[in-house]
Protein backbone atom coordinates (compact mmCIF):
# COMPACT_ATOMS: atom_id res chain seq x y z
CA MET A 1 123.85 -103.17 7.48
CA ASN A 2 124.04 -100.92 4.40
CA ALA A 3 123.97 -103.90 2.04
CA GLU A 4 120.92 -105.28 3.86
CA LEU A 5 119.05 -101.97 3.52
CA ALA A 6 119.89 -101.81 -0.19
CA ALA A 7 118.82 -105.46 -0.68
CA ARG A 8 115.42 -104.75 0.89
CA GLY A 9 114.95 -101.71 -1.31
CA LEU A 10 114.95 -99.35 1.66
CA ALA A 11 117.91 -97.20 0.63
CA ARG A 12 119.75 -95.81 -2.38
CA ALA A 13 123.45 -96.55 -2.59
CA LYS A 14 125.55 -93.38 -2.27
CA PHE A 15 129.30 -93.37 -1.81
CA TYR A 16 131.63 -90.56 -0.81
CA PRO A 17 135.40 -91.15 -0.82
CA PRO A 18 137.19 -92.33 1.21
CA ASP A 19 134.19 -94.28 2.60
CA ILE A 20 133.72 -96.72 -0.28
CA PHE A 21 134.20 -99.96 1.66
CA ARG A 22 131.99 -102.81 0.26
CA LYS A 23 130.86 -100.61 -2.64
CA THR A 24 130.47 -103.48 -5.14
CA GLU A 25 128.48 -105.59 -2.68
CA ILE A 26 126.08 -102.74 -1.87
CA LYS A 27 125.63 -101.77 -5.55
CA ALA A 28 124.86 -105.41 -6.42
CA ALA A 29 122.27 -105.57 -3.63
CA GLU A 30 120.64 -102.37 -4.93
CA ARG A 31 120.52 -103.76 -8.50
CA LYS A 32 118.80 -106.94 -7.28
CA ALA A 33 116.25 -104.89 -5.31
CA ARG A 34 115.54 -102.71 -8.37
CA ARG A 35 114.99 -105.74 -10.60
CA ALA A 36 112.71 -107.34 -8.01
CA LYS A 37 110.89 -104.01 -7.47
CA ARG A 38 111.34 -104.14 -3.69
CA GLY A 39 110.85 -101.26 -1.28
CA ILE A 40 111.31 -97.83 -2.88
CA TRP A 41 111.74 -99.42 -6.31
CA LYS A 42 108.06 -100.45 -6.45
CA LEU A 43 106.99 -96.79 -6.31
CA PRO A 44 106.05 -94.94 -9.50
CA PRO A 45 108.88 -93.12 -11.31
CA SER A 46 110.16 -90.21 -9.27
CA ARG A 47 110.33 -87.76 -12.16
CA PRO A 48 107.68 -87.09 -14.73
CA ARG A 49 108.88 -87.85 -18.23
CA GLY A 50 109.85 -84.88 -20.38
CA LYS A 51 110.54 -82.54 -17.46
CA LYS A 52 110.80 -79.01 -18.77
CA ARG A 53 111.91 -75.74 -17.24
CA GLY A 54 108.49 -74.23 -16.44
CA MET A 55 106.72 -77.47 -15.59
CA VAL A 56 104.69 -77.70 -12.38
CA LEU A 57 103.18 -80.61 -10.46
CA ALA A 58 99.71 -80.36 -8.99
CA ASP A 59 97.77 -82.07 -6.24
CA PRO A 60 94.27 -82.68 -7.65
CA ASP A 61 92.70 -83.19 -4.20
CA ARG A 62 93.82 -79.80 -2.87
CA LYS A 63 93.82 -78.00 -6.27
CA LEU A 64 97.34 -76.65 -5.59
CA TYR A 65 100.34 -76.56 -7.93
CA TYR A 66 104.01 -76.51 -6.98
CA ARG A 67 107.01 -75.17 -8.86
CA LEU A 68 110.16 -77.12 -9.66
CA LYS A 69 112.88 -77.25 -6.95
CA THR A 70 110.57 -76.62 -3.99
CA GLN A 71 110.09 -79.09 -1.14
CA PRO A 72 106.36 -79.67 -1.79
CA TYR A 73 107.25 -80.43 -5.45
CA GLU A 74 109.80 -83.03 -4.30
CA ASN A 75 107.23 -84.59 -1.95
CA LEU A 76 104.64 -84.76 -4.72
CA ARG A 77 106.98 -86.45 -7.22
CA CYS A 78 106.27 -89.91 -5.74
CA PHE A 79 102.51 -89.37 -5.49
CA ALA A 80 100.80 -91.52 -8.12
CA GLY A 81 97.76 -89.22 -8.37
CA ARG A 82 99.72 -86.09 -9.27
CA VAL A 83 98.87 -83.94 -12.28
CA THR A 84 101.55 -82.41 -14.49
CA PHE A 85 101.24 -79.07 -16.29
CA PRO A 86 103.76 -77.64 -18.77
CA SER A 87 103.49 -74.16 -17.25
CA VAL A 88 102.05 -72.14 -14.38
CA SER A 89 99.53 -70.44 -16.67
CA LYS A 90 98.11 -73.80 -17.80
CA ALA A 91 97.74 -74.91 -14.17
CA GLN A 92 95.96 -71.65 -13.31
CA LYS A 93 93.62 -71.98 -16.30
CA ALA A 94 92.71 -75.46 -15.05
CA GLY A 95 91.66 -73.96 -11.70
CA TYR A 96 94.77 -74.70 -9.63
CA ARG A 97 96.39 -72.12 -7.35
CA ASN A 98 99.97 -71.71 -6.15
CA GLY A 99 100.73 -73.86 -3.12
CA SER A 100 104.42 -72.96 -2.76
CA PRO A 101 105.36 -70.93 0.31
């Protein structure tokens, strides 16, 4: 079952000892899915390039920005229409407001 999920691109392979049974088979299935860009591997990159300490992600539709290590930030990482700012002050100057709880 785990190998099938990995082959379809519906799961990331994670292993925690002592449960490492069929590890090589599952890792191989994940590699094939990545190369074929199936499932989650066809999504845009999960992390913006050049991630820096004060960087924030913003939702242009709602005009809200989110700080690093918050749940809304993690949800927005896979959103193709996101906007990236190097700092909170730059996001505020662009007209965005804090959306973090």
